[in-house]
Amino acid sequence: MSNERDPLVTEIIGCAIEVHDALGPGLLESAYRSCLAHEFRFRGISFATEFSLPLVYKTMHLDCGYRLDFVVDGRIVVEVKAVDRLAPIHEAQVITYLKLLKVPRGLLLNFNVPRLTMGLRSILLREQP
């Protein structure tokens, strides 16, 4: 996996900053998700929202009701939070989503911060040997 910046990641972050600048902190996650979806549409970014995450345990396919906030361009998971602070479990959640979907990159966005960059985590799965 290349360490070069992905222009789509930069574009997604730009969308999130636009939403945060307009709304500020203190709203529910659902408000930020809706506005971020609008911003993606406005910029012509391909995405799926409330993406149903398939879970396979051994050979059994389970519908556990997991829904990812966004899968952008089929290759980047975007998880939206509005919490006091990001915890290790939030990053673990995104890492698990990446593994289950077999995509290498995710963004964890916490909108409940003074500046969005303070609540941004970029997660890149290392290639498996």
Protein backbone atom coordinates (compact mmCIF):
# COMPACT_ATOMS: atom_id res chain seq x y z
CA MET A 1 0.00 0.00 0.00
CA SER A 2 1.39 3.35 -0.99
CA ASN A 3 1.95 6.08 1.58
CA GLU A 4 0.92 8.75 -0.95
CA ARG A 5 -2.08 10.89 -0.10
CA ASP A 6 -5.32 9.75 -1.64
CA PRO A 7 -7.06 12.75 -3.25
CA LEU A 8 -10.44 11.24 -2.34
CA VAL A 9 -9.50 11.20 1.35
CA THR A 10 -8.58 14.88 1.06
CA GLU A 11 -11.94 15.57 -0.60
CA ILE A 12 -13.87 13.67 2.12
CA ILE A 13 -12.07 15.63 4.83
CA GLY A 14 -12.88 18.85 2.97
CA CYS A 15 -16.56 17.90 2.97
CA ALA A 16 -16.47 17.16 6.69
CA ILE A 17 -14.76 20.47 7.44
CA GLU A 18 -17.40 22.28 5.37
CA VAL A 19 -20.18 20.63 7.40
CA HIS A 20 -18.43 21.33 10.71
CA ASP A 21 -17.76 24.96 9.80
CA ALA A 22 -21.45 25.43 8.97
CA LEU A 23 -22.91 23.61 11.98
CA GLY A 24 -20.28 23.60 14.72
CA PRO A 25 -20.20 21.03 17.52
CA GLY A 26 -23.07 19.92 19.74
CA LEU A 27 -25.54 18.22 17.38
CA LEU A 28 -26.49 14.57 17.05
CA GLU A 29 -24.52 12.25 14.78
CA SER A 30 -27.56 11.88 12.53
CA ALA A 31 -27.49 15.61 11.68
CA TYR A 32 -23.84 15.45 10.69
CA ARG A 33 -24.42 12.27 8.65
CA SER A 34 -27.28 13.87 6.73
CA CYS A 35 -25.31 17.03 5.99
CA LEU A 36 -22.20 15.08 5.03
CA ALA A 37 -24.27 12.99 2.59
CA HIS A 38 -25.61 16.22 1.10
CA GLU A 39 -22.06 17.58 0.74
CA PHE A 40 -20.92 14.34 -0.95
CA ARG A 41 -23.82 14.58 -3.40
CA PHE A 42 -23.10 18.25 -4.07
CA ARG A 43 -19.47 17.45 -4.91
CA GLY A 44 -20.31 14.38 -6.99
CA ILE A 45 -18.66 11.90 -4.63
CA SER A 46 -19.90 8.32 -4.99
CA PHE A 47 -21.03 6.86 -1.66
CA ALA A 48 -23.37 4.44 0.08
CA THR A 49 -24.88 5.40 3.42
CA GLU A 50 -26.22 3.15 6.17
CA PHE A 51 -24.27 0.43 4.37
CA SER A 52 -25.26 -3.01 5.64
CA LEU A 53 -22.20 -4.83 6.88
CA PRO A 54 -22.24 -8.57 6.22
CA LEU A 55 -20.83 -10.70 9.00
CA VAL A 56 -19.57 -14.19 8.29
CA TYR A 57 -18.64 -16.43 11.17
CA LYS A 58 -16.89 -19.53 9.85
CA THR A 59 -19.37 -20.46 7.09
CA MET A 60 -22.46 -18.89 8.66
CA HIS A 61 -23.74 -15.60 7.23
CA LEU A 62 -25.26 -13.46 9.97
CA ASP A 63 -27.42 -10.39 9.70
CA CYS A 64 -26.47 -8.59 12.89
CA GLY A 65 -27.82 -5.24 11.81
CA TYR A 66 -24.45 -3.47 11.58
CA ARG A 67 -24.70 -0.35 9.47
CA LEU A 68 -21.68 1.67 8.43
CA ASP A 69 -22.22 5.41 8.18
CA PHE A 70 -20.59 5.67 4.75
CA VAL A 71 -18.63 3.66 2.25
CA VAL A 72 -17.17 6.12 -0.22
CA ASP A 73 -16.30 4.99 -3.74
CA GLY A 74 -16.48 1.38 -2.50
CA ARG A 75 -13.07 1.74 -0.86
CA ILE A 76 -13.12 4.15 2.09
CA VAL A 77 -15.13 3.65 5.28
CA VAL A 78 -16.25 6.88 6.96
CA GLU A 79 -17.59 6.63 10.51
CA VAL A 80 -19.24 9.69 12.05
CA LYS A 81 -19.23 10.37 15.79
CA ALA A 82 -20.41 13.23 18.01
CA VAL A 83 -18.81 12.30 21.32
CA ASP A 84 -16.85 14.08 24.05
CA ARG A 85 -13.68 12.34 22.92
CA LEU A 86 -12.71 9.52 20.63
CA ALA A 87 -11.89 6.35 22.52
CA PRO A 88 -9.79 3.37 21.43
CA ILE A 89 -13.02 1.39 20.90
CA HIS A 90 -14.06 3.84 18.15
CA GLU A 91 -10.84 3.16 16.24
CA ALA A 92 -11.21 -0.58 16.86
CA GLN A 93 -14.73 -0.39 15.40
CA VAL A 94 -13.42 1.18 12.18
CA ILE A 95 -10.57 -1.33 11.95
CA THR A 96 -13.06 -4.19 12.29
CA TYR A 97 -15.25 -2.65 9.56
CA LEU A 98 -12.22 -2.39 7.27
CA LYS A 99 -11.32 -6.02 7.84
CA LEU A 100 -14.87 -7.27 7.30
CA LEU A 101 -15.29 -5.24 4.11
CA LYS A 102 -11.74 -5.96 2.96
CA VAL A 103 -11.00 -2.30 2.28
CA PRO A 104 -7.75 -0.68 3.40
CA ARG A 105 -8.73 2.82 4.46
CA GLY A 106 -11.09 4.48 6.90
CA LEU A 107 -11.80 7.87 8.40
CA LEU A 108 -13.17 8.41 11.88
CA LEU A 109 -14.76 11.85 12.20
CA ASN A 110 -15.79 13.28 15.57
CA PHE A 111 -17.84 16.44 15.02
CA ASN A 112 -18.12 17.31 18.72
CA VAL A 113 -14.86 19.30 18.77
CA PRO A 114 -13.98 23.00 18.34
CA ARG A 115 -12.11 22.27 15.06
CA LEU A 116 -12.80 19.15 13.03
CA THR A 117 -9.09 18.41 12.62
CA MET A 118 -9.02 17.77 16.38
CA GLY A 119 -11.53 14.93 15.93
CA LEU A 120 -10.13 13.33 12.81
CA ARG A 121 -8.45 9.92 12.67
CA SER A 122 -7.26 8.36 9.45
CA ILE A 123 -6.91 4.60 9.66
CA LEU A 124 -4.97 2.54 7.17
CA LEU A 125 -4.83 -1.24 7.41
CA ARG A 126 -1.41 -2.70 6.92
CA GLU A 127 -1.13 -5.25 4.17
CA GLN A 128 -1.25 -8.80 5.48
CA PRO A 129 1.80 -10.94 4.63
